[in-house]
Protein backbone atom coordinates (compact mmCIF):
# COMPACT_ATOMS: atom_id res chain seq x y z
CA MET A 1 9.87 -6.93 20.90
CA GLU A 2 10.80 -4.40 18.27
CA ILE A 3 13.12 -5.25 15.42
CA ASN A 4 14.44 -2.59 13.12
CA PRO A 5 13.06 -3.25 9.61
CA LEU A 6 16.38 -2.16 8.09
CA VAL A 7 18.09 -5.10 9.80
CA ILE A 8 15.58 -7.48 8.25
CA VAL A 9 16.00 -5.92 4.83
CA ALA A 10 19.81 -6.12 5.14
CA ILE A 11 19.64 -9.80 6.07
CA LEU A 12 17.32 -10.54 3.17
CA LEU A 13 19.56 -8.63 0.74
CA ILE A 14 22.61 -10.60 1.88
CA VAL A 15 20.72 -13.87 1.53
CA ALA A 16 19.39 -12.87 -1.91
CA TYR A 17 22.91 -11.88 -3.03
CA THR A 18 24.32 -15.23 -1.96
CA PHE A 19 21.30 -17.02 -3.46
CA PHE A 20 22.03 -15.76 -6.95
CA TYR A 21 25.66 -16.82 -6.78
CA THR A 22 25.22 -20.31 -5.32
CA PRO A 23 24.98 -23.32 -7.60
CA VAL A 24 21.77 -25.29 -7.78
CA GLY A 25 21.71 -27.86 -5.04
CA GLN A 26 21.02 -28.42 -1.38
CA LEU A 27 22.52 -25.08 -0.23
CA ARG A 28 20.24 -23.19 -2.56
CA ASN A 29 17.20 -25.07 -1.28
CA LEU A 30 18.22 -24.20 2.30
CA LEU A 31 18.48 -20.54 1.34
CA ILE A 32 14.98 -20.64 -0.15
CA VAL A 33 13.61 -22.14 3.06
CA PHE A 34 15.51 -19.51 5.10
CA VAL A 35 14.13 -16.63 3.03
CA LEU A 36 10.58 -17.98 3.33
CA PHE A 37 11.04 -18.38 7.08
CA MET A 38 12.29 -14.78 7.38
CA ILE A 39 9.35 -13.47 5.39
CA GLY A 40 6.92 -15.46 7.55
CA ALA A 41 8.61 -14.27 10.77
CA THR A 42 8.42 -10.68 9.55
CA LEU A 43 4.70 -11.04 8.82
CA VAL A 44 4.05 -12.62 12.25
CA LEU A 45 5.96 -9.82 13.99
CA ALA A 46 4.09 -7.16 12.01
CA VAL A 47 0.71 -8.66 12.88
CA SER A 48 1.66 -9.01 16.57
CA GLU A 49 2.48 -5.28 16.69
CA MET A 50 -0.94 -4.28 15.32
CA PRO A 51 -3.46 -2.83 17.79
CA LEU A 52 -6.43 -4.93 18.78
CA PHE A 53 -9.51 -4.72 16.63
CA GLY A 54 -11.85 -2.01 17.94
CA SER A 55 -9.29 -0.60 20.36
CA VAL A 56 -9.44 3.12 21.11
CA GLU A 57 -5.68 3.44 20.59
CA THR A 58 -5.91 2.57 16.89
CA PRO A 59 -4.98 5.30 14.39
CA ALA A 60 -8.54 5.27 13.08
CA TYR A 61 -9.79 6.87 16.30
CA ASN A 62 -7.68 10.01 16.09
CA GLU A 63 -8.72 13.64 16.09
CA VAL A 64 -8.75 14.02 12.29
CA ALA A 65 -12.14 12.36 11.85
CA ARG A 66 -13.63 14.49 14.63
CA HIS A 67 -12.15 17.63 13.03
CA TYR A 68 -13.66 16.69 9.67
CA LEU A 69 -17.11 16.14 11.13
CA ASP A 70 -17.09 19.22 13.39
CA GLY A 71 -15.52 21.62 10.90
CA THR A 72 -17.26 20.66 7.68
CA VAL A 73 -19.97 23.33 7.69
CA PRO A 74 -17.96 26.26 9.13
CA GLU A 75 -14.82 25.64 7.06
CA THR A 76 -16.27 24.54 3.72
CA GLY A 77 -19.92 25.57 3.75
CA ALA A 78 -20.91 22.11 2.48
CA LEU A 79 -23.77 20.33 4.22
CA ASN A 80 -22.59 16.90 3.12
CA ALA A 81 -19.49 15.82 5.07
CA VAL A 82 -18.42 13.20 2.54
CA ALA A 83 -18.62 15.63 -0.36
CA ALA A 84 -16.71 18.24 1.64
CA ILE A 85 -13.93 15.77 2.45
CA ILE A 86 -13.61 14.65 -1.16
CA THR A 87 -13.79 18.06 -2.80
CA ASP A 88 -12.29 20.41 -0.21
CA TYR A 89 -10.04 18.57 2.22
CA ARG A 90 -8.72 15.91 -0.15
CA ALA A 91 -9.00 17.71 -3.50
CA PHE A 92 -5.49 16.94 -4.72
CA ASP A 93 -5.85 13.27 -3.84
CA THR A 94 -9.16 13.13 -5.71
CA LEU A 95 -7.57 14.88 -8.71
CA GLY A 96 -4.78 12.29 -8.73
CA GLU A 97 -7.24 9.42 -8.60
CA ALA A 98 -9.27 10.91 -11.45
CA THR A 99 -6.07 11.35 -13.49
CA VAL A 100 -5.12 7.71 -12.96
CA LEU A 101 -8.59 6.53 -13.98
CA PHE A 102 -8.60 8.77 -17.06
CA THR A 103 -5.16 7.49 -18.08
CA ALA A 104 -6.29 3.88 -17.66
CA VAL A 105 -9.40 4.44 -19.81
CA ALA A 106 -7.32 6.27 -22.45
CA ALA A 107 -4.78 3.42 -22.55
CA ALA A 108 -7.55 0.82 -22.83
CA LEU A 109 -9.22 2.71 -25.66
CA ALA A 110 -5.91 3.20 -27.44
CA SER A 111 -5.07 -0.50 -27.23
CA MET A 112 -8.53 -1.47 -28.45
CA GLY A 113 -8.12 0.93 -31.39
CA ALA A 114 -4.74 -0.59 -32.20
CA GLN A 115 -6.23 -4.07 -32.11
CA ARG A 116 -9.05 -3.00 -34.41
CA GLU A 117 -6.57 -1.56 -36.93
CA LYS A 118 -4.54 -4.80 -36.89
CA GLY A 119 -7.60 -6.91 -37.55
CA ALA A 120 -8.86 -4.72 -40.38
């Protein structure tokens, strides 16, 4: 059974819209229960659509992993497959992750410096 996620989102938006404009009382409690039921039903449907654990049809067993392992040495010249994937195949992703980490460290250091100046 396949349900369009846009239908579920539309139903939840309508319920949320009516939720904010209903007075506190029994109707509002029923809407809360309905929203929680819809979220639970959506999660159950999503889990039921997942492939079985260890199944060959899962997206993890696609041709990309085989291409990475077979083409590492000829395409990149690197002997280490993990290093080749990180630095050659996924370089922009790694650069983005490093940028996020650097920004987080800079923000933490800046807030610690601001706290030290306040205390002094």
